[in-house]
């Protein structure tokens, strides 16, 4: 009998927890996708780390992959030197963009009107877009090769 009461109590807790999660409106959650526009073509960025802080819960990524590991899943884009790339994310978050080169050096680059300009030197570069909303933040990754 105790076994069934414990199972019933556990089920009730899980149901109530599930209900409280679904009460968070979609507008309060952090987008898990974002895209970039190169020329006139739109590409979806690879999602990286994210954190969401709601009233009753906190959600974070469990996997801790490096920027380089995440970039492996993105088809490298061939772009012209100094080409402009537009970043598109929902709900107008504040953005920071980091540029990683093939020897592990990273630097923050200038972003203006949600656009960045790629390197003027030939090479492969990984861009990490860090977006911050009131309830959390997320990172997105894409890779380009300048010729």
C-alpha atoms as a PDB file:
ATOM      1  CA  UNK A   1       0.000   0.000   0.000  1.00  0.00           C
ATOM      2  CA  UNK A   2       2.832   2.395   0.880  1.00  0.00           C
ATOM      3  CA  UNK A   3       4.390   1.614  -2.465  1.00  0.00           C
ATOM      4  CA  UNK A   4       1.237   2.715  -4.328  1.00  0.00           C
ATOM      5  CA  UNK A   5       0.869   5.864  -2.226  1.00  0.00           C
ATOM      6  CA  UNK A   6       4.476   6.801  -2.980  1.00  0.00           C
ATOM      7  CA  UNK A   7       3.929   6.166  -6.684  1.00  0.00           C
ATOM      8  CA  UNK A   8       0.747   8.264  -6.627  1.00  0.00           C
ATOM      9  CA  UNK A   9       2.523  11.105  -4.804  1.00  0.00           C
ATOM     10  CA  UNK A  10       5.440  11.006  -7.244  1.00  0.00           C
ATOM     11  CA  UNK A  11       3.027  11.082 -10.205  1.00  0.00           C
ATOM     12  CA  UNK A  12       1.227  14.074  -8.718  1.00  0.00           C
ATOM     13  CA  UNK A  13       4.508  15.954  -8.249  1.00  0.00           C
ATOM     14  CA  UNK A  14       5.518  15.258 -11.849  1.00  0.00           C
ATOM     15  CA  UNK A  15       2.144  16.414 -13.177  1.00  0.00           C
ATOM     16  CA  UNK A  16       2.273  19.630 -11.147  1.00  0.00           C
ATOM     17  CA  UNK A  17       5.854  20.284 -12.222  1.00  0.00           C
ATOM     18  CA  UNK A  18       4.873  19.754 -15.853  1.00  0.00           C
ATOM     19  CA  UNK A  19       1.962  22.176 -15.497  1.00  0.00           C
ATOM     20  CA  UNK A  20       4.163  24.878 -14.032  1.00  0.00           C
ATOM     21  CA  UNK A  21       6.587  24.520 -16.936  1.00  0.00           C
ATOM     22  CA  UNK A  22       3.849  24.925 -19.528  1.00  0.00           C
ATOM     23  CA  UNK A  23       2.574  28.065 -17.761  1.00  0.00           C
ATOM     24  CA  UNK A  24       5.656  29.913 -18.959  1.00  0.00           C
ATOM     25  CA  UNK A  25       4.568  31.666 -22.116  1.00  0.00           C
ATOM     26  CA  UNK A  26       6.539  31.174 -25.287  1.00  0.00           C
ATOM     27  CA  UNK A  27       7.450  34.868 -25.215  1.00  0.00           C
ATOM     28  CA  UNK A  28       9.315  34.355 -21.934  1.00  0.00           C
ATOM     29  CA  UNK A  29      11.509  31.580 -23.298  1.00  0.00           C
ATOM     30  CA  UNK A  30      14.856  31.988 -25.032  1.00  0.00           C
ATOM     31  CA  UNK A  31      14.901  31.324 -28.795  1.00  0.00           C
ATOM     32  CA  UNK A  32      16.910  28.243 -29.689  1.00  0.00           C
ATOM     33  CA  UNK A  33      17.489  29.216 -33.292  1.00  0.00           C
ATOM     34  CA  UNK A  34      18.847  32.192 -35.145  1.00  0.00           C
ATOM     35  CA  UNK A  35      20.023  32.922 -38.644  1.00  0.00           C
ATOM     36  CA  UNK A  36      22.400  35.032 -40.677  1.00  0.00           C
ATOM     37  CA  UNK A  37      22.005  36.599 -44.086  1.00  0.00           C
ATOM     38  CA  UNK A  38      24.919  36.619 -46.520  1.00  0.00           C
ATOM     39  CA  UNK A  39      24.094  38.432 -49.744  1.00  0.00           C
ATOM     40  CA  UNK A  40      20.450  37.510 -50.179  1.00  0.00           C
ATOM     41  CA  UNK A  41      20.661  33.996 -48.739  1.00  0.00           C
ATOM     42  CA  UNK A  42      19.626  33.107 -45.185  1.00  0.00           C
ATOM     43  CA  UNK A  43      21.449  30.395 -43.193  1.00  0.00           C
ATOM     44  CA  UNK A  44      20.534  28.967 -39.795  1.00  0.00           C
ATOM     45  CA  UNK A  45      23.293  29.237 -37.185  1.00  0.00           C
ATOM     46  CA  UNK A  46      24.259  26.321 -34.946  1.00  0.00           C
ATOM     47  CA  UNK A  47      22.893  26.664 -31.401  1.00  0.00           C
ATOM     48  CA  UNK A  48      25.489  26.728 -28.656  1.00  0.00           C
ATOM     49  CA  UNK A  49      25.083  27.221 -24.932  1.00  0.00           C
ATOM     50  CA  UNK A  50      21.936  28.724 -23.432  1.00  0.00           C
ATOM     51  CA  UNK A  51      20.479  29.664 -20.066  1.00  0.00           C
ATOM     52  CA  UNK A  52      16.872  30.508 -19.245  1.00  0.00           C
ATOM     53  CA  UNK A  53      15.782  31.876 -15.874  1.00  0.00           C
ATOM     54  CA  UNK A  54      12.043  31.835 -15.241  1.00  0.00           C
ATOM     55  CA  UNK A  55      10.126  32.514 -12.046  1.00  0.00           C
ATOM     56  CA  UNK A  56      10.031  28.875 -11.031  1.00  0.00           C
ATOM     57  CA  UNK A  57      12.894  27.245 -12.909  1.00  0.00           C
ATOM     58  CA  UNK A  58      16.281  27.605 -14.526  1.00  0.00           C
ATOM     59  CA  UNK A  59      17.304  25.719 -17.662  1.00  0.00           C
ATOM     60  CA  UNK A  60      20.869  25.488 -18.992  1.00  0.00           C
ATOM     61  CA  UNK A  61      22.672  23.415 -21.590  1.00  0.00           C
ATOM     62  CA  UNK A  62      24.073  20.221 -20.193  1.00  0.00           C
ATOM     63  CA  UNK A  63      26.651  19.543 -22.897  1.00  0.00           C
ATOM     64  CA  UNK A  64      29.736  21.667 -22.795  1.00  0.00           C
ATOM     65  CA  UNK A  65      31.013  21.583 -26.370  1.00  0.00           C
ATOM     66  CA  UNK A  66      33.671  23.991 -27.542  1.00  0.00           C
ATOM     67  CA  UNK A  67      32.979  26.590 -30.210  1.00  0.00           C
ATOM     68  CA  UNK A  68      35.131  24.523 -32.586  1.00  0.00           C
ATOM     69  CA  UNK A  69      33.098  21.343 -31.948  1.00  0.00           C
ATOM     70  CA  UNK A  70      29.828  23.178 -32.561  1.00  0.00           C
ATOM     71  CA  UNK A  71      31.185  24.789 -35.749  1.00  0.00           C
ATOM     72  CA  UNK A  72      31.865  21.316 -37.193  1.00  0.00           C
ATOM     73  CA  UNK A  73      28.106  20.965 -37.685  1.00  0.00           C
ATOM     74  CA  UNK A  74      27.883  24.126 -39.797  1.00  0.00           C
ATOM     75  CA  UNK A  75      28.710  24.051 -43.523  1.00  0.00           C
ATOM     76  CA  UNK A  76      31.462  26.639 -43.935  1.00  0.00           C
ATOM     77  CA  UNK A  77      30.312  29.607 -46.020  1.00  0.00           C
ATOM     78  CA  UNK A  78      32.629  31.033 -48.667  1.00  0.00           C
ATOM     79  CA  UNK A  79      32.487  34.812 -48.453  1.00  0.00           C
ATOM     80  CA  UNK A  80      34.344  37.750 -49.910  1.00  0.00           C
ATOM     81  CA  UNK A  81      36.789  39.704 -47.755  1.00  0.00           C
ATOM     82  CA  UNK A  82      35.061  42.534 -45.846  1.00  0.00           C
ATOM     83  CA  UNK A  83      31.617  41.121 -46.684  1.00  0.00           C
ATOM     84  CA  UNK A  84      28.730  42.180 -44.444  1.00  0.00           C
ATOM     85  CA  UNK A  85      26.681  39.552 -42.584  1.00  0.00           C
ATOM     86  CA  UNK A  86      23.337  40.329 -40.960  1.00  0.00           C
ATOM     87  CA  UNK A  87      22.351  38.535 -37.748  1.00  0.00           C
ATOM     88  CA  UNK A  88      18.656  37.738 -37.258  1.00  0.00           C
ATOM     89  CA  UNK A  89      17.326  36.789 -33.803  1.00  0.00           C
ATOM     90  CA  UNK A  90      13.851  37.132 -32.289  1.00  0.00           C
ATOM     91  CA  UNK A  91      12.928  39.790 -29.726  1.00  0.00           C
ATOM     92  CA  UNK A  92      15.858  42.151 -30.371  1.00  0.00           C
ATOM     93  CA  UNK A  93      18.404  40.849 -27.824  1.00  0.00           C
ATOM     94  CA  UNK A  94      21.633  42.674 -26.998  1.00  0.00           C
ATOM     95  CA  UNK A  95      24.415  41.082 -29.039  1.00  0.00           C
ATOM     96  CA  UNK A  96      28.118  40.437 -28.643  1.00  0.00           C
ATOM     97  CA  UNK A  97      30.071  38.754 -31.449  1.00  0.00           C
ATOM     98  CA  UNK A  98      33.363  36.927 -30.946  1.00  0.00           C
ATOM     99  CA  UNK A  99      35.616  35.919 -33.823  1.00  0.00           C
ATOM    100  CA  UNK A 100      37.735  32.779 -33.429  1.00  0.00           C
ATOM    101  CA  UNK A 101      40.583  31.985 -35.822  1.00  0.00           C
ATOM    102  CA  UNK A 102      42.189  28.639 -36.600  1.00  0.00           C
ATOM    103  CA  UNK A 103      44.918  29.044 -33.937  1.00  0.00           C
ATOM    104  CA  UNK A 104      42.498  29.618 -31.066  1.00  0.00           C
ATOM    105  CA  UNK A 105      42.715  33.391 -30.829  1.00  0.00           C
ATOM    106  CA  UNK A 106      39.446  35.125 -30.054  1.00  0.00           C
ATOM    107  CA  UNK A 107      38.465  38.767 -30.226  1.00  0.00           C
ATOM    108  CA  UNK A 108      35.244  40.691 -29.870  1.00  0.00           C
ATOM    109  CA  UNK A 109      34.233  42.381 -33.105  1.00  0.00           C
ATOM    110  CA  UNK A 110      32.118  45.413 -33.827  1.00  0.00           C
ATOM    111  CA  UNK A 111      28.447  44.942 -34.546  1.00  0.00           C
ATOM    112  CA  UNK A 112      26.318  47.722 -35.980  1.00  0.00           C
ATOM    113  CA  UNK A 113      22.615  47.465 -36.852  1.00  0.00           C
ATOM    114  CA  UNK A 114      22.847  43.678 -36.288  1.00  0.00           C
ATOM    115  CA  UNK A 115      25.560  43.412 -38.962  1.00  0.00           C
ATOM    116  CA  UNK A 116      29.206  42.432 -38.829  1.00  0.00           C
ATOM    117  CA  UNK A 117      31.972  42.668 -41.405  1.00  0.00           C
ATOM    118  CA  UNK A 118      34.136  39.588 -41.929  1.00  0.00           C
ATOM    119  CA  UNK A 119      37.917  39.638 -41.995  1.00  0.00           C
ATOM    120  CA  UNK A 120      39.889  41.259 -44.771  1.00  0.00           C
ATOM    121  CA  UNK A 121      42.538  38.524 -44.480  1.00  0.00           C
ATOM    122  CA  UNK A 122      42.023  35.144 -46.137  1.00  0.00           C
ATOM    123  CA  UNK A 123      41.304  32.315 -43.740  1.00  0.00           C
ATOM    124  CA  UNK A 124      38.682  30.351 -41.854  1.00  0.00           C
ATOM    125  CA  UNK A 125      36.891  32.145 -39.031  1.00  0.00           C
ATOM    126  CA  UNK A 126      34.287  31.004 -36.541  1.00  0.00           C
ATOM    127  CA  UNK A 127      31.806  33.554 -35.262  1.00  0.00           C
ATOM    128  CA  UNK A 128      30.081  33.159 -31.908  1.00  0.00           C
ATOM    129  CA  UNK A 129      27.009  35.341 -31.478  1.00  0.00           C
ATOM    130  CA  UNK A 130      26.082  35.800 -27.810  1.00  0.00           C
ATOM    131  CA  UNK A 131      22.522  37.083 -27.414  1.00  0.00           C
ATOM    132  CA  UNK A 132      21.106  38.332 -24.103  1.00  0.00           C
ATOM    133  CA  UNK A 133      17.413  38.681 -23.285  1.00  0.00           C
ATOM    134  CA  UNK A 134      15.884  39.715 -19.928  1.00  0.00           C
ATOM    135  CA  UNK A 135      15.343  36.045 -18.929  1.00  0.00           C
ATOM    136  CA  UNK A 136      18.531  34.491 -20.232  1.00  0.00           C
ATOM    137  CA  UNK A 137      21.084  34.188 -22.963  1.00  0.00           C
ATOM    138  CA  UNK A 138      22.094  31.922 -25.826  1.00  0.00           C
ATOM    139  CA  UNK A 139      25.021  31.564 -28.174  1.00  0.00           C
ATOM    140  CA  UNK A 140      24.947  30.732 -31.863  1.00  0.00           C
ATOM    141  CA  UNK A 141      27.839  29.641 -34.072  1.00  0.00           C
ATOM    142  CA  UNK A 142      28.684  29.926 -37.769  1.00  0.00           C
ATOM    143  CA  UNK A 143      31.860  29.542 -39.801  1.00  0.00           C
ATOM    144  CA  UNK A 144      33.124  31.395 -42.868  1.00  0.00           C
ATOM    145  CA  UNK A 145      36.096  31.179 -45.159  1.00  0.00           C
ATOM    146  CA  UNK A 146      37.338  34.399 -46.721  1.00  0.00           C
ATOM    147  CA  UNK A 147      39.220  34.164 -49.997  1.00  0.00           C
END
